[in-house]
Amino acid sequence: MNTTHVHEVIFLVQDNDAVFTPATLMDAISNKWGEDIHFTACSGVPFPKEETLPFLMERSKVFVNDNGMVEVHPTMKMCDSHTR
């Protein structure tokens, strides 16, 4: 299974702040990591890319602004073990 850590998506959004809609973020994820990419979080349980945005939004890592663009949440903090 093709997997990477979900924090990579946060980095992608940070590097391209307010560029992606939810749909274009899914396209960017597929283009960067492949159609079959799954992500893991600190729990280590893989989930498909389609669950990535809801997962990150539920944890206040990203949000969709009033213009429909995905941004990093201003209060977002990374886990201690995940830095660039």
PDB file of N, CA and C in Angstrom:
ATOM      1  N   MET A   1       0.844  -1.179   0.000  1.00  0.00           N
ATOM      2  CA  MET A   1       0.000   0.000   0.000  1.00  0.00           C
ATOM      3  C   MET A   1       0.893   1.247   0.000  1.00  0.00           C
ATOM      4  N   ASN A   2       0.536   2.197  -0.833  1.00  0.00           N
ATOM      5  CA  ASN A   2       1.252   3.468  -0.956  1.00  0.00           C
ATOM      6  C   ASN A   2       0.783   4.385   0.183  1.00  0.00           C
ATOM      7  N   THR A   3       1.656   4.646   1.178  1.00  0.00           N
ATOM      8  CA  THR A   3       1.269   5.474   2.324  1.00  0.00           C
ATOM      9  C   THR A   3       2.325   6.526   2.633  1.00  0.00           C
ATOM     10  N   THR A   4       1.857   7.616   3.224  1.00  0.00           N
ATOM     11  CA  THR A   4       2.727   8.643   3.789  1.00  0.00           C
ATOM     12  C   THR A   4       1.976   9.265   4.954  1.00  0.00           C
ATOM     13  N   HIS A   5       2.668  10.059   5.740  1.00  0.00           N
ATOM     14  CA  HIS A   5       2.032  10.663   6.919  1.00  0.00           C
ATOM     15  C   HIS A   5       1.167  11.839   6.504  1.00  0.00           C
ATOM     16  N   VAL A   6       0.032  11.993   7.150  1.00  0.00           N
ATOM     17  CA  VAL A   6      -0.921  13.058   6.823  1.00  0.00           C
ATOM     18  C   VAL A   6      -0.325  14.454   7.020  1.00  0.00           C
ATOM     19  N   HIS A   7       0.715  14.563   7.823  1.00  0.00           N
ATOM     20  CA  HIS A   7       1.358  15.877   7.979  1.00  0.00           C
ATOM     21  C   HIS A   7       1.921  16.401   6.661  1.00  0.00           C
ATOM     22  N   GLU A   8       2.218  15.495   5.732  1.00  0.00           N
ATOM     23  CA  GLU A   8       2.685  15.927   4.414  1.00  0.00           C
ATOM     24  C   GLU A   8       1.627  16.769   3.704  1.00  0.00           C
ATOM     25  N   VAL A   9       0.353  16.470   3.946  1.00  0.00           N
ATOM     26  CA  VAL A   9      -0.727  17.270   3.356  1.00  0.00           C
ATOM     27  C   VAL A   9      -0.754  18.647   3.998  1.00  0.00           C
ATOM     28  N   ILE A  10      -0.525  18.711   5.295  1.00  0.00           N
ATOM     29  CA  ILE A  10      -0.447  20.021   5.961  1.00  0.00           C
ATOM     30  C   ILE A  10       0.682  20.840   5.357  1.00  0.00           C
ATOM     31  N   PHE A  11       1.833  20.223   5.148  1.00  0.00           N
ATOM     32  CA  PHE A  11       2.954  20.939   4.524  1.00  0.00           C
ATOM     33  C   PHE A  11       2.582  21.410   3.120  1.00  0.00           C
ATOM     34  N   LEU A  12       1.867  20.580   2.360  1.00  0.00           N
ATOM     35  CA  LEU A  12       1.431  20.949   1.013  1.00  0.00           C
ATOM     36  C   LEU A  12       0.530  22.185   1.076  1.00  0.00           C
ATOM     37  N   VAL A  13      -0.405  22.203   2.008  1.00  0.00           N
ATOM     38  CA  VAL A  13      -1.292  23.359   2.161  1.00  0.00           C
ATOM     39  C   VAL A  13      -0.500  24.584   2.611  1.00  0.00           C
ATOM     40  N   GLN A  14       0.431  24.415   3.550  1.00  0.00           N
ATOM     41  CA  GLN A  14       1.263  25.536   4.004  1.00  0.00           C
ATOM     42  C   GLN A  14       2.050  26.146   2.850  1.00  0.00           C
ATOM     43  N   ASP A  15       2.614  25.312   2.036  1.00  0.00           N
ATOM     44  CA  ASP A  15       3.451  25.787   0.918  1.00  0.00           C
ATOM     45  C   ASP A  15       2.632  26.464  -0.173  1.00  0.00           C
ATOM     46  N   ASN A  16       1.331  26.205  -0.198  1.00  0.00           N
ATOM     47  CA  ASN A  16       0.445  26.736  -1.234  1.00  0.00           C
ATOM     48  C   ASN A  16      -0.786  27.363  -0.584  1.00  0.00           C
ATOM     49  N   ASP A  17      -0.579  28.188   0.415  1.00  0.00           N
ATOM     50  CA  ASP A  17      -1.671  28.696   1.244  1.00  0.00           C
ATOM     51  C   ASP A  17      -2.765  29.368   0.428  1.00  0.00           C
ATOM     52  N   ALA A  18      -4.000  28.938   0.664  1.00  0.00           N
ATOM     53  CA  ALA A  18      -5.208  29.493   0.042  1.00  0.00           C
ATOM     54  C   ALA A  18      -5.198  29.354  -1.484  1.00  0.00           C
ATOM     55  N   VAL A  19      -4.576  28.303  -1.990  1.00  0.00           N
ATOM     56  CA  VAL A  19      -4.540  28.032  -3.429  1.00  0.00           C
ATOM     57  C   VAL A  19      -5.544  26.943  -3.800  1.00  0.00           C
ATOM     58  N   PHE A  20      -5.760  25.990  -2.892  1.00  0.00           N
ATOM     59  CA  PHE A  20      -6.571  24.819  -3.195  1.00  0.00           C
ATOM     60  C   PHE A  20      -8.001  24.954  -2.703  1.00  0.00           C
ATOM     61  N   THR A  21      -8.937  24.533  -3.544  1.00  0.00           N
ATOM     62  CA  THR A  21     -10.283  24.234  -3.073  1.00  0.00           C
ATOM     63  C   THR A  21     -10.215  22.800  -2.551  1.00  0.00           C
ATOM     64  N   PRO A  22     -11.237  22.326  -1.867  1.00  0.00           N
ATOM     65  CA  PRO A  22     -11.193  20.916  -1.469  1.00  0.00           C
ATOM     66  C   PRO A  22     -10.967  19.974  -2.661  1.00  0.00           C
ATOM     67  N   ALA A  23     -11.603  20.234  -3.787  1.00  0.00           N
ATOM     68  CA  ALA A  23     -11.447  19.361  -4.966  1.00  0.00           C
ATOM     69  C   ALA A  23     -10.048  19.450  -5.556  1.00  0.00           C
ATOM     70  N   THR A  24      -9.499  20.655  -5.671  1.00  0.00           N
ATOM     71  CA  THR A  24      -8.156  20.776  -6.253  1.00  0.00           C
ATOM     72  C   THR A  24      -7.085  20.262  -5.289  1.00  0.00           C
ATOM     73  N   LEU A  25      -7.367  20.278  -3.984  1.00  0.00           N
ATOM     74  CA  LEU A  25      -6.435  19.664  -3.036  1.00  0.00           C
ATOM     75  C   LEU A  25      -6.378  18.161  -3.277  1.00  0.00           C
ATOM     76  N   MET A  26      -7.520  17.527  -3.521  1.00  0.00           N
ATOM     77  CA  MET A  26      -7.525  16.089  -3.824  1.00  0.00           C
ATOM     78  C   MET A  26      -6.731  15.809  -5.100  1.00  0.00           C
ATOM     79  N   ASP A  27      -6.878  16.670  -6.101  1.00  0.00           N
ATOM     80  CA  ASP A  27      -6.099  16.517  -7.343  1.00  0.00           C
ATOM     81  C   ASP A  27      -4.608  16.659  -7.057  1.00  0.00           C
ATOM     82  N   ALA A  28      -4.235  17.659  -6.249  1.00  0.00           N
ATOM     83  CA  ALA A  28      -2.825  17.882  -5.931  1.00  0.00           C
ATOM     84  C   ALA A  28      -2.236  16.701  -5.158  1.00  0.00           C
ATOM     85  N   ILE A  29      -3.021  16.136  -4.250  1.00  0.00           N
ATOM     86  CA  ILE A  29      -2.579  14.952  -3.506  1.00  0.00           C
ATOM     87  C   ILE A  29      -2.336  13.797  -4.463  1.00  0.00           C
ATOM     88  N   SER A  30      -3.265  13.559  -5.375  1.00  0.00           N
ATOM     89  CA  SER A  30      -3.097  12.476  -6.360  1.00  0.00           C
ATOM     90  C   SER A  30      -1.889  12.716  -7.247  1.00  0.00           C
ATOM     91  N   ASN A  31      -1.703  13.955  -7.686  1.00  0.00           N
ATOM     92  CA  ASN A  31      -0.564  14.283  -8.545  1.00  0.00           C
ATOM     93  C   ASN A  31       0.766  14.100  -7.824  1.00  0.00           C
ATOM     94  N   LYS A  32       0.805  14.436  -6.550  1.00  0.00           N
ATOM     95  CA  LYS A  32       2.059  14.360  -5.800  1.00  0.00           C
ATOM     96  C   LYS A  32       2.385  12.937  -5.350  1.00  0.00           C
ATOM     97  N   TRP A  33       1.371  12.206  -4.857  1.00  0.00           N
ATOM     98  CA  TRP A  33       1.636  10.904  -4.253  1.00  0.00           C
ATOM     99  C   TRP A  33       1.004   9.729  -4.976  1.00  0.00           C
ATOM    100  N   GLY A  34       0.153   9.977  -5.964  1.00  0.00           N
ATOM    101  CA  GLY A  34      -0.483   8.893  -6.705  1.00  0.00           C
ATOM    102  C   GLY A  34      -1.940   8.706  -6.304  1.00  0.00           C
ATOM    103  N   GLU A  35      -2.702   8.154  -7.234  1.00  0.00           N
ATOM    104  CA  GLU A  35      -4.137   7.941  -7.027  1.00  0.00           C
ATOM    105  C   GLU A  35      -4.426   7.021  -5.848  1.00  0.00           C
ATOM    106  N   ASP A  36      -3.530   6.080  -5.583  1.00  0.00           N
ATOM    107  CA  ASP A  36      -3.781   5.064  -4.559  1.00  0.00           C
ATOM    108  C   ASP A  36      -3.222   5.423  -3.186  1.00  0.00           C
ATOM    109  N   ILE A  37      -2.810   6.677  -2.985  1.00  0.00           N
ATOM    110  CA  ILE A  37      -2.185   7.066  -1.725  1.00  0.00           C
ATOM    111  C   ILE A  37      -3.148   6.909  -0.550  1.00  0.00           C
ATOM    112  N   HIS A  38      -2.615   6.437   0.547  1.00  0.00           N
ATOM    113  CA  HIS A  38      -3.299   6.393   1.834  1.00  0.00           C
ATOM    114  C   HIS A  38      -2.408   7.159   2.807  1.00  0.00           C
ATOM    115  N   PHE A  39      -3.018   7.694   3.827  1.00  0.00           N
ATOM    116  CA  PHE A  39      -2.272   8.462   4.817  1.00  0.00           C
ATOM    117  C   PHE A  39      -2.372   7.807   6.177  1.00  0.00           C
ATOM    118  N   THR A  40      -1.356   8.039   6.978  1.00  0.00           N
ATOM    119  CA  THR A  40      -1.383   7.597   8.362  1.00  0.00           C
ATOM    120  C   THR A  40      -1.256   8.829   9.248  1.00  0.00           C
ATOM    121  N   ALA A  41      -1.785   8.703  10.433  1.00  0.00           N
ATOM    122  CA  ALA A  41      -1.618   9.738  11.451  1.00  0.00           C
ATOM    123  C   ALA A  41      -0.740   9.129  12.541  1.00  0.00           C
ATOM    124  N   CYS A  42      -0.686   9.766  13.661  1.00  0.00           N
ATOM    125  CA  CYS A  42       0.151   9.258  14.745  1.00  0.00           C
ATOM    126  C   CYS A  42      -0.290   7.872  15.218  1.00  0.00           C
ATOM    127  N   SER A  43      -1.556   7.521  14.978  1.00  0.00           N
ATOM    128  CA  SER A  43      -2.051   6.193  15.350  1.00  0.00           C
ATOM    129  C   SER A  43      -1.469   5.100  14.460  1.00  0.00           C
ATOM    130  N   GLY A  44      -1.023   5.477  13.251  1.00  0.00           N
ATOM    131  CA  GLY A  44      -0.456   4.510  12.329  1.00  0.00           C
ATOM    132  C   GLY A  44      -1.468   3.767  11.486  1.00  0.00           C
ATOM    133  N   VAL A  45      -2.754   4.065  11.649  1.00  0.00           N
ATOM    134  CA  VAL A  45      -3.806   3.386  10.887  1.00  0.00           C
ATOM    135  C   VAL A  45      -4.010   4.117   9.560  1.00  0.00           C
ATOM    136  N   PRO A  46      -3.795   3.447   8.413  1.00  0.00           N
ATOM    137  CA  PRO A  46      -3.939   4.121   7.120  1.00  0.00           C
ATOM    138  C   PRO A  46      -5.394   4.399   6.755  1.00  0.00           C
ATOM    139  N   PHE A  47      -5.588   5.522   6.068  1.00  0.00           N
ATOM    140  CA  PHE A  47      -6.913   5.879   5.555  1.00  0.00           C
ATOM    141  C   PHE A  47      -6.755   6.482   4.171  1.00  0.00           C
ATOM    142  N   PRO A  48      -7.795   6.382   3.316  1.00  0.00           N
ATOM    143  CA  PRO A  48      -7.686   6.864   1.936  1.00  0.00           C
ATOM    144  C   PRO A  48      -7.651   8.389   1.857  1.00  0.00           C
ATOM    145  N   LYS A  49      -7.151   8.887   0.746  1.00  0.00           N
ATOM    146  CA  LYS A  49      -6.995  10.339   0.567  1.00  0.00           C
ATOM    147  C   LYS A  49      -8.314  11.086   0.712  1.00  0.00           C
ATOM    148  N   GLU A  50      -9.425  10.453   0.366  1.00  0.00           N
ATOM    149  CA  GLU A  50     -10.731  11.100   0.447  1.00  0.00           C
ATOM    150  C   GLU A  50     -11.106  11.471   1.884  1.00  0.00           C
ATOM    151  N   GLU A  51     -10.503  10.818   2.853  1.00  0.00           N
ATOM    152  CA  GLU A  51     -10.770  11.110   4.262  1.00  0.00           C
ATOM    153  C   GLU A  51      -9.812  12.141   4.846  1.00  0.00           C
ATOM    154  N   THR A  52      -8.839  12.583   4.052  1.00  0.00           N
ATOM    155  CA  THR A  52      -7.795  13.464   4.559  1.00  0.00           C
ATOM    156  C   THR A  52      -8.320  14.826   4.989  1.00  0.00           C
ATOM    157  N   LEU A  53      -9.064  15.499   4.132  1.00  0.00           N
ATOM    158  CA  LEU A  53      -9.552  16.834   4.475  1.00  0.00           C
ATOM    159  C   LEU A  53     -10.484  16.798   5.684  1.00  0.00           C
ATOM    160  N   PRO A  54     -11.485  15.906   5.721  1.00  0.00           N
ATOM    161  CA  PRO A  54     -12.308  15.846   6.931  1.00  0.00           C
ATOM    162  C   PRO A  54     -11.488  15.542   8.196  1.00  0.00           C
ATOM    163  N   PHE A  55     -10.516  14.646   8.078  1.00  0.00           N
ATOM    164  CA  PHE A  55      -9.650  14.298   9.201  1.00  0.00           C
ATOM    165  C   PHE A  55      -8.926  15.546   9.717  1.00  0.00           C
ATOM    166  N   LEU A  56      -8.316  16.305   8.807  1.00  0.00           N
ATOM    167  CA  LEU A  56      -7.562  17.497   9.209  1.00  0.00           C
ATOM    168  C   LEU A  56      -8.472  18.606   9.717  1.00  0.00           C
ATOM    169  N   MET A  57      -9.648  18.734   9.145  1.00  0.00           N
ATOM    170  CA  MET A  57     -10.587  19.760   9.607  1.00  0.00           C
ATOM    171  C   MET A  57     -11.118  19.430  11.001  1.00  0.00           C
ATOM    172  N   GLU A  58     -11.425  18.170  11.258  1.00  0.00           N
ATOM    173  CA  GLU A  58     -11.926  17.762  12.575  1.00  0.00           C
ATOM    174  C   GLU A  58     -10.917  18.051  13.676  1.00  0.00           C
ATOM    175  N   ARG A  59      -9.650  18.040  13.327  1.00  0.00           N
ATOM    176  CA  ARG A  59      -8.585  18.262  14.303  1.00  0.00           C
ATOM    177  C   ARG A  59      -8.057  19.699  14.280  1.00  0.00           C
ATOM    178  N   SER A  60      -8.756  20.575  13.587  1.00  0.00           N
ATOM    179  CA  SER A  60      -8.395  22.003  13.485  1.00  0.00           C
ATOM    180  C   SER A  60      -6.982  22.214  12.956  1.00  0.00           C
ATOM    181  N   LYS A  61      -6.590  21.373  11.998  1.00  0.00           N
ATOM    182  CA  LYS A  61      -5.295  21.541  11.329  1.00  0.00           C
ATOM    183  C   LYS A  61      -5.446  22.442  10.106  1.00  0.00           C
ATOM    184  N   VAL A  62      -6.565  22.312   9.403  1.00  0.00           N
ATOM    185  CA  VAL A  62      -6.882  23.156   8.251  1.00  0.00           C
ATOM    186  C   VAL A  62      -8.356  23.530   8.321  1.00  0.00           C
ATOM    187  N   PHE A  63      -8.741  24.518   7.515  1.00  0.00           N
ATOM    188  CA  PHE A  63     -10.146  24.903   7.393  1.00  0.00           C
ATOM    189  C   PHE A  63     -10.374  25.416   5.985  1.00  0.00           C
ATOM    190  N   VAL A  64     -11.634  25.502   5.596  1.00  0.00           N
ATOM    191  CA  VAL A  64     -12.011  26.068   4.308  1.00  0.00           C
ATOM    192  C   VAL A  64     -12.499  27.486   4.589  1.00  0.00           C
ATOM    193  N   ASN A  65     -11.823  28.473   3.989  1.00  0.00           N
ATOM    194  CA  ASN A  65     -12.155  29.872   4.268  1.00  0.00           C
ATOM    195  C   ASN A  65     -13.441  30.293   3.550  1.00  0.00           C
ATOM    196  N   ASP A  66     -13.847  31.534   3.761  1.00  0.00           N
ATOM    197  CA  ASP A  66     -15.096  32.039   3.179  1.00  0.00           C
ATOM    198  C   ASP A  66     -15.093  32.041   1.655  1.00  0.00           C
ATOM    199  N   ASN A  67     -13.899  32.014   1.054  1.00  0.00           N
ATOM    200  CA  ASN A  67     -13.777  31.971  -0.403  1.00  0.00           C
ATOM    201  C   ASN A  67     -13.710  30.537  -0.937  1.00  0.00           C
ATOM    202  N   GLY A  68     -13.845  29.550  -0.035  1.00  0.00           N
ATOM    203  CA  GLY A  68     -13.826  28.153  -0.457  1.00  0.00           C
ATOM    204  C   GLY A  68     -12.446  27.562  -0.627  1.00  0.00           C
ATOM    205  N   MET A  69     -11.426  28.248  -0.087  1.00  0.00           N
ATOM    206  CA  MET A  69     -10.054  27.782  -0.229  1.00  0.00           C
ATOM    207  C   MET A  69      -9.557  27.153   1.074  1.00  0.00           C
ATOM    208  N   VAL A  70      -8.722  26.128   0.940  1.00  0.00           N
ATOM    209  CA  VAL A  70      -8.185  25.425   2.099  1.00  0.00           C
ATOM    210  C   VAL A  70      -6.975  26.188   2.630  1.00  0.00           C
ATOM    211  N   GLU A  71      -6.996  26.434   3.942  1.00  0.00           N
ATOM    212  CA  GLU A  71      -5.884  27.118   4.609  1.00  0.00           C
ATOM    213  C   GLU A  71      -5.499  26.350   5.866  1.00  0.00           C
ATOM    214  N   VAL A  72      -4.261  26.561   6.309  1.00  0.00           N
ATOM    215  CA  VAL A  72      -3.835  26.019   7.594  1.00  0.00           C
ATOM    216  C   VAL A  72      -4.558  26.804   8.683  1.00  0.00           C
ATOM    217  N   HIS A  73      -5.084  26.093   9.653  1.00  0.00           N
ATOM    218  CA  HIS A  73      -5.789  26.745  10.754  1.00  0.00           C
ATOM    219  C   HIS A  73      -4.791  27.577  11.565  1.00  0.00           C
ATOM    220  N   PRO A  74      -5.154  28.810  11.942  1.00  0.00           N
ATOM    221  CA  PRO A  74      -4.201  29.670  12.659  1.00  0.00           C
ATOM    222  C   PRO A  74      -3.737  29.107  14.000  1.00  0.00           C
ATOM    223  N   THR A  75      -4.505  28.210  14.600  1.00  0.00           N
ATOM    224  CA  THR A  75      -4.096  27.635  15.889  1.00  0.00           C
ATOM    225  C   THR A  75      -3.428  26.274  15.738  1.00  0.00           C
ATOM    226  N   MET A  76      -3.179  25.842  14.488  1.00  0.00           N
ATOM    227  CA  MET A  76      -2.647  24.507  14.223  1.00  0.00           C
ATOM    228  C   MET A  76      -1.272  24.314  14.858  1.00  0.00           C
ATOM    229  N   LYS A  77      -1.133  23.166  15.495  1.00  0.00           N
ATOM    230  CA  LYS A  77       0.164  22.757  16.031  1.00  0.00           C
ATOM    231  C   LYS A  77       0.442  21.341  15.542  1.00  0.00           C
ATOM    232  N   MET A  78       1.685  21.103  15.174  1.00  0.00           N
ATOM    233  CA  MET A  78       2.102  19.764  14.760  1.00  0.00           C
ATOM    234  C   MET A  78       2.405  18.928  15.995  1.00  0.00           C
ATOM    235  N   CYS A  79       2.293  17.639  15.852  1.00  0.00           N
ATOM    236  CA  CYS A  79       2.760  16.743  16.907  1.00  0.00           C
ATOM    237  C   CYS A  79       4.254  16.949  17.074  1.00  0.00           C
ATOM    238  N   ASP A  80       4.750  16.677  18.238  1.00  0.00           N
ATOM    239  CA  ASP A  80       6.171  16.917  18.538  1.00  0.00           C
ATOM    240  C   ASP A  80       7.114  16.180  17.607  1.00  0.00           C
ATOM    241  N   SER A  81       6.723  15.021  17.125  1.00  0.00           N
ATOM    242  CA  SER A  81       7.632  14.208  16.318  1.00  0.00           C
ATOM    243  C   SER A  81       7.599  14.534  14.831  1.00  0.00           C
ATOM    244  N   HIS A  82       6.788  15.539  14.422  1.00  0.00           N
ATOM    245  CA  HIS A  82       6.647  15.809  12.988  1.00  0.00           C
ATOM    246  C   HIS A  82       6.972  17.254  12.664  1.00  0.00           C
ATOM    247  N   THR A  83       8.201  17.466  12.281  1.00  0.00           N
ATOM    248  CA  THR A  83       8.628  18.779  11.830  1.00  0.00           C
ATOM    249  C   THR A  83       9.330  18.599  10.509  1.00  0.00           C
ATOM    250  N   ARG A  84       9.579  19.684   9.867  1.00  0.00           N
ATOM    251  CA  ARG A  84      10.296  19.618   8.586  1.00  0.00           C
ATOM    252  C   ARG A  84      11.764  19.548   8.813  1.00  0.00           C
TER     253      ARG A  84
END
